[in-house]
Amino acid sequence: MHINEFAKMNHERSVKHDAQKIFNWEYYAIAIGGEAGELLNVLKKTKRGDFPLNKAALAEETADIITYAFLLLSELGVDHEQIILEKFEKVNKRLDAGGFSARP
């Protein structure tokens, strides 16, 4: 499956289940923050020794973040694949210029 195919399928599912019409770019941005918090909570509990590293839980929370990020991109009306590749190349240029702090 290609990135834009997943994005379309993801967005269609969200629209279908949004009877109250509350899902918008702000909602998705907040949801990303919530899911990132859940990911960090798993790491916190692992770090303090509550349980061993659970890669499956980390992967699941990461997938939630990506899913919401794709919904946010859909709401912003951008081509998912294009924006991801453009950003990837932008970071490549920074790294080639000396690192993340370098600005071309």
Protein backbone atom coordinates (compact mmCIF):
# COMPACT_ATOMS: atom_id res chain seq x y z
CA MET A 1 0.00 0.00 0.00
CA HIS A 2 1.26 3.48 -0.83
CA ILE A 3 1.29 6.37 1.60
CA ASN A 4 -1.48 8.31 -0.13
CA GLU A 5 -3.68 5.20 -0.30
CA PHE A 6 -3.40 4.76 3.47
CA ALA A 7 -4.05 8.47 3.97
CA LYS A 8 -7.25 8.32 1.93
CA MET A 9 -8.51 5.19 3.68
CA ASN A 10 -7.68 6.67 7.09
CA HIS A 11 -9.44 9.95 6.32
CA GLU A 12 -12.53 8.22 4.94
CA ARG A 13 -12.82 6.14 8.11
CA SER A 14 -12.53 9.25 10.26
CA VAL A 15 -15.21 11.13 8.30
CA LYS A 16 -17.52 8.12 8.43
CA HIS A 17 -17.35 7.99 12.23
CA ASP A 18 -17.57 11.73 12.88
CA ALA A 19 -21.33 12.12 13.39
CA GLN A 20 -20.84 15.24 15.54
CA LYS A 21 -18.44 16.84 13.02
CA ILE A 22 -15.81 17.55 15.67
CA PHE A 23 -12.78 16.06 13.94
CA ASN A 24 -10.70 18.85 12.42
CA TRP A 25 -7.06 19.86 12.24
CA GLU A 26 -7.07 21.14 15.85
CA TYR A 27 -8.58 17.89 17.11
CA TYR A 28 -5.95 15.85 15.29
CA ALA A 29 -3.09 18.04 16.55
CA ILE A 30 -4.32 17.58 20.13
CA ALA A 31 -4.71 13.84 19.54
CA ILE A 32 -1.09 13.61 18.36
CA GLY A 33 -0.01 15.22 21.63
CA GLY A 34 -2.11 12.77 23.63
CA GLU A 35 -0.69 9.77 21.82
CA ALA A 36 2.86 11.10 22.22
CA GLY A 37 2.12 11.37 25.94
CA GLU A 38 1.02 7.72 25.99
CA LEU A 39 4.26 6.72 24.24
CA LEU A 40 6.29 8.69 26.77
CA ASN A 41 4.33 7.15 29.65
CA VAL A 42 5.31 3.66 28.49
CA LEU A 43 8.95 4.81 28.35
CA LYS A 44 8.69 6.43 31.80
CA LYS A 45 7.35 3.26 33.38
CA THR A 46 10.02 1.21 31.63
CA LYS A 47 12.78 3.56 32.76
CA ARG A 48 11.72 3.46 36.41
CA GLY A 49 11.56 -0.34 36.30
CA ASP A 50 7.81 -1.01 36.44
CA PHE A 51 8.18 -3.50 33.58
CA PRO A 52 10.71 -4.46 30.89
CA LEU A 53 10.83 -2.65 27.58
CA ASN A 54 7.67 -3.46 25.64
CA LYS A 55 8.46 -2.87 21.98
CA ALA A 56 4.94 -3.87 20.94
CA ALA A 57 3.43 -1.14 23.14
CA LEU A 58 5.90 1.41 21.80
CA ALA A 59 5.10 0.40 18.23
CA GLU A 60 1.36 0.63 18.87
CA GLU A 61 1.60 4.12 20.35
CA THR A 62 3.87 5.20 17.49
CA ALA A 63 1.31 3.88 14.99
CA ASP A 64 -1.37 5.95 16.76
CA ILE A 65 0.78 9.06 16.39
CA ILE A 66 1.35 8.38 12.69
CA THR A 67 -2.35 7.72 12.11
CA TYR A 68 -3.35 11.03 13.69
CA ALA A 69 -0.53 12.83 11.86
CA PHE A 70 -1.90 11.53 8.58
CA LEU A 71 -5.38 12.76 9.52
CA LEU A 72 -3.92 16.18 10.31
CA LEU A 73 -2.18 16.28 6.94
CA SER A 74 -5.48 15.34 5.26
CA GLU A 75 -7.24 18.21 7.03
CA LEU A 76 -4.48 20.57 5.91
CA GLY A 77 -5.09 19.45 2.33
CA VAL A 78 -1.54 18.43 1.50
CA ASP A 79 -0.22 15.48 -0.47
CA HIS A 80 1.09 13.18 2.25
CA GLU A 81 3.81 11.51 0.21
CA GLN A 82 5.04 14.79 -1.25
CA ILE A 83 5.28 16.63 2.07
CA ILE A 84 7.06 13.71 3.74
CA LEU A 85 9.59 13.42 0.91
CA GLU A 86 10.13 17.20 0.81
CA LYS A 87 10.81 17.27 4.56
CA PHE A 88 13.09 14.23 4.26
CA GLU A 89 15.14 16.02 1.61
CA LYS A 90 15.22 19.24 3.65
CA VAL A 91 16.70 17.33 6.60
CA ASN A 92 19.16 15.57 4.27
CA LYS A 93 20.44 18.97 3.13
CA ARG A 94 20.88 20.08 6.76
CA LEU A 95 22.74 16.91 7.64
CA ASP A 96 24.95 17.23 4.58
CA ALA A 97 25.67 20.85 5.59
CA GLY A 98 26.93 19.81 8.99
CA GLY A 99 24.07 18.64 11.16
CA PHE A 100 20.58 19.38 12.42
CA SER A 101 21.54 22.82 13.71
CA ALA A 102 22.99 23.89 10.35
CA ARG A 103 20.74 25.97 8.14
CA PRO A 104 21.36 25.93 4.38
